[in-house]
C-alpha cells in the first residue's frame, strides 16, 4: 500500500477487491466482500460496515452487476462520511 494506506479486512465473505478513499490526507483501503444475506425486504443489502476496528464494504452475493455497483457506491459514500466525522472532527 502506498501513502500510508490502511488495509482493513473482515474474515467472512468472498473478497472482491478494495475501494480506496482519501480523507484528510489519509488513504484508506476498504475491502469489498460478497456475503449472502437473509432476504429482508425492510432494508437494502450491502453497504459500509464497521465492526470493532474493522471497516469495509459488503455487497450481496448473487446480486446483479448493477446492484453490486450501486451497493459499492452507497458503501463508499457512507465510508467517506464515517471517516470524515472520525478524522476531521
N, C-alpha and C. Protein backbone atom coordinates (compact mmCIF):
# COMPACT_ATOMS: atom_id res chain seq x y z
N UNK A 1 0.84 -1.17 0.00
CA UNK A 1 0.00 0.00 0.00
C UNK A 1 0.89 1.24 0.00
N UNK A 2 0.42 2.25 -0.64
CA UNK A 2 1.21 3.47 -0.71
C UNK A 2 0.61 4.59 0.13
N UNK A 3 1.40 5.59 0.41
CA UNK A 3 0.94 6.78 1.13
C UNK A 3 0.29 6.47 2.47
N UNK A 4 0.76 5.47 3.18
CA UNK A 4 0.21 5.16 4.49
C UNK A 4 -1.18 4.55 4.43
N UNK A 5 -1.53 3.90 3.33
CA UNK A 5 -2.85 3.30 3.20
C UNK A 5 -3.05 2.25 4.27
N UNK A 6 -4.27 2.15 4.75
CA UNK A 6 -4.60 1.17 5.78
C UNK A 6 -5.49 0.11 5.17
N UNK A 7 -5.06 -1.14 5.20
CA UNK A 7 -5.88 -2.24 4.70
C UNK A 7 -6.59 -2.87 5.88
N UNK A 8 -7.91 -2.94 5.80
CA UNK A 8 -8.72 -3.49 6.87
C UNK A 8 -9.56 -4.62 6.30
N UNK A 9 -9.61 -5.76 6.97
CA UNK A 9 -10.29 -6.90 6.40
C UNK A 9 -11.30 -7.50 7.36
N UNK A 10 -12.25 -8.21 6.80
CA UNK A 10 -13.23 -8.98 7.54
C UNK A 10 -13.04 -10.42 7.09
N UNK A 11 -12.97 -11.35 8.02
CA UNK A 11 -12.64 -12.73 7.70
C UNK A 11 -13.75 -13.44 6.92
N UNK A 12 -14.98 -12.96 7.04
CA UNK A 12 -16.09 -13.61 6.37
C UNK A 12 -16.22 -13.09 4.94
N UNK A 13 -16.90 -13.86 4.10
CA UNK A 13 -17.22 -13.37 2.76
C UNK A 13 -16.11 -13.60 1.75
N UNK A 14 -16.48 -13.38 0.51
CA UNK A 14 -15.57 -13.55 -0.63
C UNK A 14 -15.04 -12.18 -1.00
N UNK A 15 -13.72 -12.01 -0.95
CA UNK A 15 -13.10 -10.74 -1.26
C UNK A 15 -13.21 -10.45 -2.76
N UNK A 16 -13.79 -9.29 -3.09
CA UNK A 16 -13.93 -8.89 -4.48
C UNK A 16 -12.86 -7.88 -4.89
N UNK A 17 -12.34 -7.15 -3.93
CA UNK A 17 -11.33 -6.14 -4.22
C UNK A 17 -11.33 -5.09 -3.13
N UNK A 18 -10.79 -3.92 -3.47
CA UNK A 18 -10.68 -2.84 -2.49
C UNK A 18 -11.17 -1.54 -3.11
N UNK A 19 -11.72 -0.69 -2.26
CA UNK A 19 -12.05 0.69 -2.63
C UNK A 19 -11.13 1.56 -1.80
N UNK A 20 -10.47 2.50 -2.46
CA UNK A 20 -9.59 3.42 -1.74
C UNK A 20 -10.26 4.77 -1.62
N UNK A 21 -10.24 5.30 -0.40
CA UNK A 21 -10.81 6.62 -0.17
C UNK A 21 -9.75 7.47 0.54
N UNK A 22 -9.68 8.73 0.15
CA UNK A 22 -8.74 9.68 0.73
C UNK A 22 -9.53 10.67 1.56
N UNK A 23 -9.24 10.69 2.86
CA UNK A 23 -9.94 11.58 3.79
C UNK A 23 -8.90 12.28 4.65
N UNK A 24 -8.89 13.59 4.60
CA UNK A 24 -7.96 14.37 5.42
C UNK A 24 -6.51 14.02 5.17
N UNK A 25 -6.15 13.71 3.94
CA UNK A 25 -4.78 13.36 3.61
C UNK A 25 -4.39 11.94 3.96
N UNK A 26 -5.32 11.16 4.47
CA UNK A 26 -5.06 9.77 4.85
C UNK A 26 -5.79 8.86 3.87
N UNK A 27 -5.07 7.87 3.34
CA UNK A 27 -5.63 6.94 2.37
C UNK A 27 -6.06 5.66 3.08
N UNK A 28 -7.31 5.26 2.87
CA UNK A 28 -7.86 4.04 3.46
C UNK A 28 -8.22 3.07 2.34
N UNK A 29 -7.79 1.83 2.46
CA UNK A 29 -8.18 0.78 1.52
C UNK A 29 -9.22 -0.08 2.21
N UNK A 30 -10.44 -0.02 1.71
CA UNK A 30 -11.55 -0.76 2.31
C UNK A 30 -11.83 -2.02 1.51
N UNK A 31 -11.82 -3.18 2.15
CA UNK A 31 -12.13 -4.40 1.42
C UNK A 31 -13.60 -4.41 1.00
N UNK A 32 -13.85 -4.92 -0.19
CA UNK A 32 -15.21 -5.13 -0.68
C UNK A 32 -15.42 -6.63 -0.70
N UNK A 33 -16.41 -7.08 0.06
CA UNK A 33 -16.64 -8.52 0.18
C UNK A 33 -18.09 -8.86 -0.14
N UNK A 34 -18.27 -10.01 -0.78
CA UNK A 34 -19.61 -10.50 -1.10
C UNK A 34 -20.04 -11.47 0.00
N UNK A 35 -21.23 -11.22 0.54
CA UNK A 35 -21.81 -12.06 1.58
C UNK A 35 -23.22 -12.44 1.19
N UNK A 36 -23.68 -13.57 1.68
CA UNK A 36 -25.08 -13.96 1.49
C UNK A 36 -25.89 -13.36 2.63
N UNK A 37 -26.97 -12.67 2.28
CA UNK A 37 -27.85 -12.05 3.26
C UNK A 37 -29.17 -12.80 3.28
N UNK A 38 -29.80 -12.85 4.45
CA UNK A 38 -31.15 -13.37 4.51
C UNK A 38 -32.06 -12.34 3.88
N UNK A 39 -33.05 -12.79 3.15
CA UNK A 39 -33.95 -11.88 2.45
C UNK A 39 -34.78 -11.09 3.46
N UNK A 40 -34.53 -9.80 3.54
CA UNK A 40 -35.24 -8.90 4.44
C UNK A 40 -35.63 -7.67 3.64
N UNK A 41 -36.86 -7.61 3.22
CA UNK A 41 -37.29 -6.54 2.33
C UNK A 41 -37.40 -5.18 3.03
N UNK A 42 -37.22 -5.14 4.35
CA UNK A 42 -37.34 -3.87 5.06
C UNK A 42 -36.07 -3.03 4.97
N UNK A 43 -34.96 -3.61 4.55
CA UNK A 43 -33.72 -2.84 4.41
C UNK A 43 -32.96 -3.36 3.21
N UNK A 44 -32.15 -2.49 2.63
CA UNK A 44 -31.39 -2.89 1.45
C UNK A 44 -30.10 -3.58 1.89
N UNK A 45 -29.70 -4.56 1.13
CA UNK A 45 -28.49 -5.31 1.45
C UNK A 45 -27.26 -4.52 0.99
N UNK A 46 -26.17 -4.80 1.66
CA UNK A 46 -24.90 -4.21 1.25
C UNK A 46 -24.68 -2.82 1.79
N UNK A 47 -23.44 -2.37 1.65
CA UNK A 47 -23.07 -1.04 2.10
C UNK A 47 -21.85 -1.07 2.99
N UNK A 48 -21.59 0.05 3.64
CA UNK A 48 -20.45 0.21 4.52
C UNK A 48 -20.71 -0.48 5.86
N UNK A 49 -19.64 -1.04 6.47
CA UNK A 49 -19.79 -1.63 7.79
C UNK A 49 -18.60 -1.25 8.67
N UNK A 50 -18.85 -1.24 9.95
CA UNK A 50 -17.79 -1.16 10.95
C UNK A 50 -18.03 -2.31 11.92
N UNK A 51 -16.96 -2.91 12.35
CA UNK A 51 -17.03 -3.99 13.33
C UNK A 51 -15.75 -3.92 14.14
N UNK A 52 -15.85 -3.35 15.34
CA UNK A 52 -14.64 -3.12 16.12
C UNK A 52 -13.75 -2.13 15.37
N UNK A 53 -12.52 -2.51 15.11
CA UNK A 53 -11.60 -1.64 14.38
C UNK A 53 -11.63 -1.91 12.87
N UNK A 54 -12.46 -2.85 12.43
CA UNK A 54 -12.53 -3.19 11.01
C UNK A 54 -13.55 -2.32 10.29
N UNK A 55 -13.20 -1.92 9.09
CA UNK A 55 -14.09 -1.17 8.21
C UNK A 55 -14.10 -1.87 6.87
N UNK A 56 -15.19 -1.73 6.15
CA UNK A 56 -15.24 -2.31 4.81
C UNK A 56 -16.59 -2.09 4.16
N UNK A 57 -16.73 -2.68 3.00
CA UNK A 57 -17.96 -2.60 2.24
C UNK A 57 -18.39 -4.03 1.91
N UNK A 58 -19.65 -4.32 2.14
CA UNK A 58 -20.18 -5.62 1.78
C UNK A 58 -21.24 -5.45 0.70
N UNK A 59 -21.30 -6.44 -0.16
CA UNK A 59 -22.31 -6.49 -1.20
C UNK A 59 -23.00 -7.84 -1.13
N UNK A 60 -24.18 -7.88 -1.68
CA UNK A 60 -24.96 -9.12 -1.65
C UNK A 60 -24.43 -10.09 -2.69
N UNK A 61 -23.98 -11.26 -2.23
CA UNK A 61 -23.51 -12.30 -3.14
C UNK A 61 -24.68 -12.76 -4.00
N UNK A 62 -24.49 -12.81 -5.28
CA UNK A 62 -25.54 -13.24 -6.18
C UNK A 62 -26.37 -12.10 -6.75
N UNK A 63 -26.11 -10.87 -6.33
CA UNK A 63 -26.82 -9.70 -6.88
C UNK A 63 -26.32 -9.45 -8.29
N UNK A 64 -27.11 -8.72 -9.05
CA UNK A 64 -26.71 -8.38 -10.41
C UNK A 64 -25.55 -7.40 -10.37
N UNK A 65 -24.87 -7.27 -11.49
CA UNK A 65 -23.72 -6.35 -11.57
C UNK A 65 -24.13 -4.92 -11.24
N UNK A 66 -25.28 -4.49 -11.73
CA UNK A 66 -25.72 -3.11 -11.45
C UNK A 66 -26.08 -2.93 -9.98
N UNK A 67 -26.65 -3.95 -9.34
CA UNK A 67 -26.96 -3.87 -7.92
C UNK A 67 -25.68 -3.83 -7.09
N UNK A 68 -24.70 -4.63 -7.48
CA UNK A 68 -23.42 -4.64 -6.77
C UNK A 68 -22.74 -3.27 -6.90
N UNK A 69 -22.77 -2.72 -8.09
CA UNK A 69 -22.17 -1.40 -8.31
C UNK A 69 -22.85 -0.35 -7.43
N UNK A 70 -24.17 -0.40 -7.35
CA UNK A 70 -24.92 0.56 -6.51
C UNK A 70 -24.58 0.37 -5.03
N UNK A 71 -24.43 -0.88 -4.59
CA UNK A 71 -24.08 -1.15 -3.20
C UNK A 71 -22.68 -0.64 -2.88
N UNK A 72 -21.75 -0.79 -3.82
CA UNK A 72 -20.39 -0.29 -3.61
C UNK A 72 -20.39 1.23 -3.58
N UNK A 73 -21.13 1.87 -4.47
CA UNK A 73 -21.20 3.34 -4.48
C UNK A 73 -21.82 3.86 -3.18
N UNK A 74 -22.89 3.23 -2.74
CA UNK A 74 -23.54 3.64 -1.49
C UNK A 74 -22.58 3.42 -0.31
N UNK A 75 -21.92 2.28 -0.28
CA UNK A 75 -20.98 1.97 0.79
C UNK A 75 -19.80 2.93 0.81
N UNK A 76 -19.32 3.32 -0.35
CA UNK A 76 -18.21 4.27 -0.44
C UNK A 76 -18.62 5.62 0.13
N UNK A 77 -19.80 6.09 -0.23
CA UNK A 77 -20.30 7.38 0.28
C UNK A 77 -20.45 7.31 1.81
N UNK A 78 -20.98 6.19 2.31
CA UNK A 78 -21.13 6.02 3.76
C UNK A 78 -19.76 6.00 4.45
N UNK A 79 -18.78 5.35 3.82
CA UNK A 79 -17.43 5.27 4.39
C UNK A 79 -16.80 6.65 4.47
N UNK A 80 -16.95 7.45 3.42
CA UNK A 80 -16.39 8.80 3.43
C UNK A 80 -17.02 9.63 4.54
N UNK A 81 -18.34 9.53 4.72
CA UNK A 81 -19.00 10.26 5.81
C UNK A 81 -18.46 9.82 7.16
N UNK A 82 -18.38 8.51 7.37
CA UNK A 82 -17.90 7.97 8.65
C UNK A 82 -16.46 8.41 8.93
N UNK A 83 -15.58 8.24 7.95
CA UNK A 83 -14.17 8.59 8.14
C UNK A 83 -13.98 10.09 8.30
N UNK A 84 -14.77 10.89 7.61
CA UNK A 84 -14.70 12.34 7.74
C UNK A 84 -15.06 12.77 9.15
N UNK A 85 -16.14 12.20 9.69
CA UNK A 85 -16.56 12.53 11.05
C UNK A 85 -15.49 12.12 12.05
N UNK A 86 -14.88 10.98 11.82
CA UNK A 86 -13.90 10.46 12.77
C UNK A 86 -12.56 11.20 12.69
N UNK A 87 -12.10 11.53 11.49
CA UNK A 87 -10.75 12.07 11.32
C UNK A 87 -10.70 13.58 11.10
N UNK A 88 -11.82 14.21 10.81
CA UNK A 88 -11.80 15.64 10.55
C UNK A 88 -12.48 16.45 11.66
N UNK A 89 -12.99 15.77 12.66
CA UNK A 89 -13.67 16.48 13.76
C UNK A 89 -12.70 16.90 14.84
